[in-house]
C-alpha atoms as a PDB file:
ATOM      1  CA  MET A   1     -18.182  20.202  -7.797  1.00  0.00           C
ATOM      2  CA  LYS A   2     -17.711  16.476  -8.491  1.00  0.00           C
ATOM      3  CA  LYS A   3     -14.102  17.030  -9.522  1.00  0.00           C
ATOM      4  CA  LYS A   4     -13.341  18.873  -6.271  1.00  0.00           C
ATOM      5  CA  LYS A   5     -14.853  16.035  -4.209  1.00  0.00           C
ATOM      6  CA  LEU A   6     -12.784  13.448  -6.109  1.00  0.00           C
ATOM      7  CA  GLU A   7      -9.635  15.469  -5.461  1.00  0.00           C
ATOM      8  CA  GLN A   8     -10.385  15.475  -1.722  1.00  0.00           C
ATOM      9  CA  MET A   9     -10.789  11.686  -1.741  1.00  0.00           C
ATOM     10  CA  LYS A  10      -7.376  11.009  -3.282  1.00  0.00           C
ATOM     11  CA  VAL A  11      -4.773   9.288  -1.146  1.00  0.00           C
ATOM     12  CA  THR A  12      -1.135  10.369  -1.314  1.00  0.00           C
ATOM     13  CA  THR A  13       1.778   7.962  -1.023  1.00  0.00           C
ATOM     14  CA  ASP A  14       2.652   9.480   2.360  1.00  0.00           C
ATOM     15  CA  GLN A  15      -0.913   8.995   3.606  1.00  0.00           C
ATOM     16  CA  ALA A  16      -0.974   5.412   2.353  1.00  0.00           C
ATOM     17  CA  THR A  17       2.324   4.704   4.102  1.00  0.00           C
ATOM     18  CA  GLN A  18       0.996   6.182   7.361  1.00  0.00           C
ATOM     19  CA  VAL A  19      -2.139   4.029   7.212  1.00  0.00           C
ATOM     20  CA  ILE A  20      -0.112   0.899   6.465  1.00  0.00           C
ATOM     21  CA  ASN A  21       2.223   1.653   9.366  1.00  0.00           C
ATOM     22  CA  VAL A  22      -0.754   2.051  11.719  1.00  0.00           C
ATOM     23  CA  MET A  23      -2.298  -1.164  10.373  1.00  0.00           C
ATOM     24  CA  PHE A  24       0.839  -3.102  11.177  1.00  0.00           C
ATOM     25  CA  CYS A  25       1.917  -1.181  14.285  1.00  0.00           C
ATOM     26  CA  ARG A  26       1.605  -4.355  16.394  1.00  0.00           C
ATOM     27  CA  LEU A  27       4.460  -5.864  14.380  1.00  0.00           C
ATOM     28  CA  ASN A  28       8.105  -5.039  14.793  1.00  0.00           C
ATOM     29  CA  SER A  29       9.760  -3.103  11.982  1.00  0.00           C
ATOM     30  CA  LYS A  30      11.312  -6.257  10.501  1.00  0.00           C
ATOM     31  CA  GLU A  31       7.928  -7.991  10.164  1.00  0.00           C
ATOM     32  CA  ARG A  32       6.257  -4.828   8.821  1.00  0.00           C
ATOM     33  CA  THR A  33       8.990  -4.503   6.212  1.00  0.00           C
ATOM     34  CA  ARG A  34       8.583  -8.177   5.284  1.00  0.00           C
ATOM     35  CA  ILE A  35       4.856  -7.708   4.654  1.00  0.00           C
ATOM     36  CA  LEU A  36       5.403  -4.544   2.618  1.00  0.00           C
ATOM     37  CA  ASN A  37       8.033  -6.366   0.558  1.00  0.00           C
ATOM     38  CA  MET A  38       5.497  -9.130  -0.150  1.00  0.00           C
ATOM     39  CA  ILE A  39       3.016  -6.513  -1.375  1.00  0.00           C
ATOM     40  CA  ASP A  40       5.679  -4.813  -3.473  1.00  0.00           C
ATOM     41  CA  ARG A  41       6.795  -8.122  -5.035  1.00  0.00           C
ATOM     42  CA  PHE A  42       3.204  -8.815  -6.024  1.00  0.00           C
ATOM     43  CA  VAL A  43       2.842  -5.393  -7.649  1.00  0.00           C
ATOM     44  CA  LEU A  44       6.198  -5.651  -9.420  1.00  0.00           C
ATOM     45  CA  TYR A  45       6.246  -9.263 -10.571  1.00  0.00           C
ATOM     46  CA  HIS A  46       2.686 -10.536 -10.753  1.00  0.00           C
ATOM     47  CA  LEU A  47       1.194  -7.342 -12.137  1.00  0.00           C
ATOM     48  CA  GLU A  48       4.398  -6.694 -14.121  1.00  0.00           C
ATOM     49  CA  VAL A  49       4.670  -3.049 -13.102  1.00  0.00           C
ATOM     50  CA  PRO A  50       8.257  -1.804 -13.654  1.00  0.00           C
ATOM     51  CA  GLN A  51       9.926  -0.697 -10.405  1.00  0.00           C
ATOM     52  CA  GLU A  52      10.762   2.714 -11.827  1.00  0.00           C
ATOM     53  CA  ASN A  53       7.014   3.309 -12.309  1.00  0.00           C
ATOM     54  CA  VAL A  54       6.087   2.578  -8.696  1.00  0.00           C
ATOM     55  CA  PRO A  55       5.780   5.826  -6.711  1.00  0.00           C
ATOM     56  CA  TRP A  56       7.181   4.542  -3.419  1.00  0.00           C
ATOM     57  CA  PHE A  57      10.350   3.468  -5.254  1.00  0.00           C
ATOM     58  CA  ASN A  58      10.686   6.523  -7.490  1.00  0.00           C
ATOM     59  CA  ASN A  59       9.884  10.031  -6.248  1.00  0.00           C
ATOM     60  CA  LYS A  60       9.924  11.355  -9.824  1.00  0.00           C
ATOM     61  CA  LYS A  61       6.726   9.392 -10.502  1.00  0.00           C
ATOM     62  CA  GLN A  62       4.789  11.315  -7.854  1.00  0.00           C
ATOM     63  CA  SER A  63       3.582  13.731 -10.526  1.00  0.00           C
ATOM     64  CA  THR A  64       1.732  10.985 -12.402  1.00  0.00           C
ATOM     65  CA  LYS A  65      -1.377  11.586 -10.296  1.00  0.00           C
ATOM     66  CA  ASN A  66      -3.819   8.923 -11.426  1.00  0.00           C
ATOM     67  CA  TYR A  67      -1.190   6.199 -11.662  1.00  0.00           C
ATOM     68  CA  VAL A  68       0.168   7.028  -8.216  1.00  0.00           C
ATOM     69  CA  HIS A  69      -3.336   7.094  -6.783  1.00  0.00           C
ATOM     70  CA  VAL A  70      -4.211   3.649  -8.148  1.00  0.00           C
ATOM     71  CA  LEU A  71      -0.964   2.116  -6.885  1.00  0.00           C
ATOM     72  CA  ASP A  72      -1.437   3.680  -3.439  1.00  0.00           C
ATOM     73  CA  LEU A  73      -4.933   2.240  -3.247  1.00  0.00           C
ATOM     74  CA  MET A  74      -3.681  -1.165  -4.420  1.00  0.00           C
ATOM     75  CA  ARG A  75      -0.976  -1.177  -1.781  1.00  0.00           C
ATOM     76  CA  LEU A  76      -3.504  -0.215   0.893  1.00  0.00           C
ATOM     77  CA  SER A  77      -5.867  -2.948  -0.294  1.00  0.00           C
ATOM     78  CA  TYR A  78      -3.223  -5.658  -0.203  1.00  0.00           C
ATOM     79  CA  ALA A  79      -2.074  -4.431   3.200  1.00  0.00           C
ATOM     80  CA  LYS A  80      -5.632  -4.640   4.502  1.00  0.00           C
ATOM     81  CA  LEU A  81      -6.041  -8.190   3.155  1.00  0.00           C
ATOM     82  CA  LEU A  82      -2.764  -9.366   4.655  1.00  0.00           C
ATOM     83  CA  ASN A  83      -3.523  -7.624   7.936  1.00  0.00           C
ATOM     84  CA  GLN A  84      -6.925  -9.293   8.234  1.00  0.00           C
ATOM     85  CA  ALA A  85      -5.557 -12.693   7.191  1.00  0.00           C
ATOM     86  CA  GLU A  86      -2.882 -12.492   9.857  1.00  0.00           C
ATOM     87  CA  LYS A  87      -5.419 -11.456  12.530  1.00  0.00           C
ATOM     88  CA  ASN A  88      -7.698 -14.360  11.565  1.00  0.00           C
ATOM     89  CA  PHE A  89      -4.774 -16.783  11.631  1.00  0.00           C
ATOM     90  CA  ILE A  90      -3.725 -15.673  15.129  1.00  0.00           C
ATOM     91  CA  LYS A  91      -7.344 -15.740  16.326  1.00  0.00           C
ATOM     92  CA  ASN A  92      -7.736 -19.336  15.116  1.00  0.00           C
ATOM     93  CA  LEU A  93      -4.538 -20.389  16.873  1.00  0.00           C
ATOM     94  CA  HIS A  94      -5.890 -19.381  20.288  1.00  0.00           C
END
């Protein structure tokens, strides 16, 4: 039963992308892309994850379930942090 519940809690790359797009829907596509590129650069260069191993760059890696799941959650987490930081920055400006 535990395994089934864990499977239901998993986030797919498509779901993560949808959530990120909703999170940044107030931004134009250029700004949203800029923020996602910042997140991707962090994953690729600071965590030293090869680009070919990142699921949103390589569809063949979608079958590596646990790895994909962790990266999706990381991307969502960084998006949430950046989203909140930007909201706080704008709030403090006004």
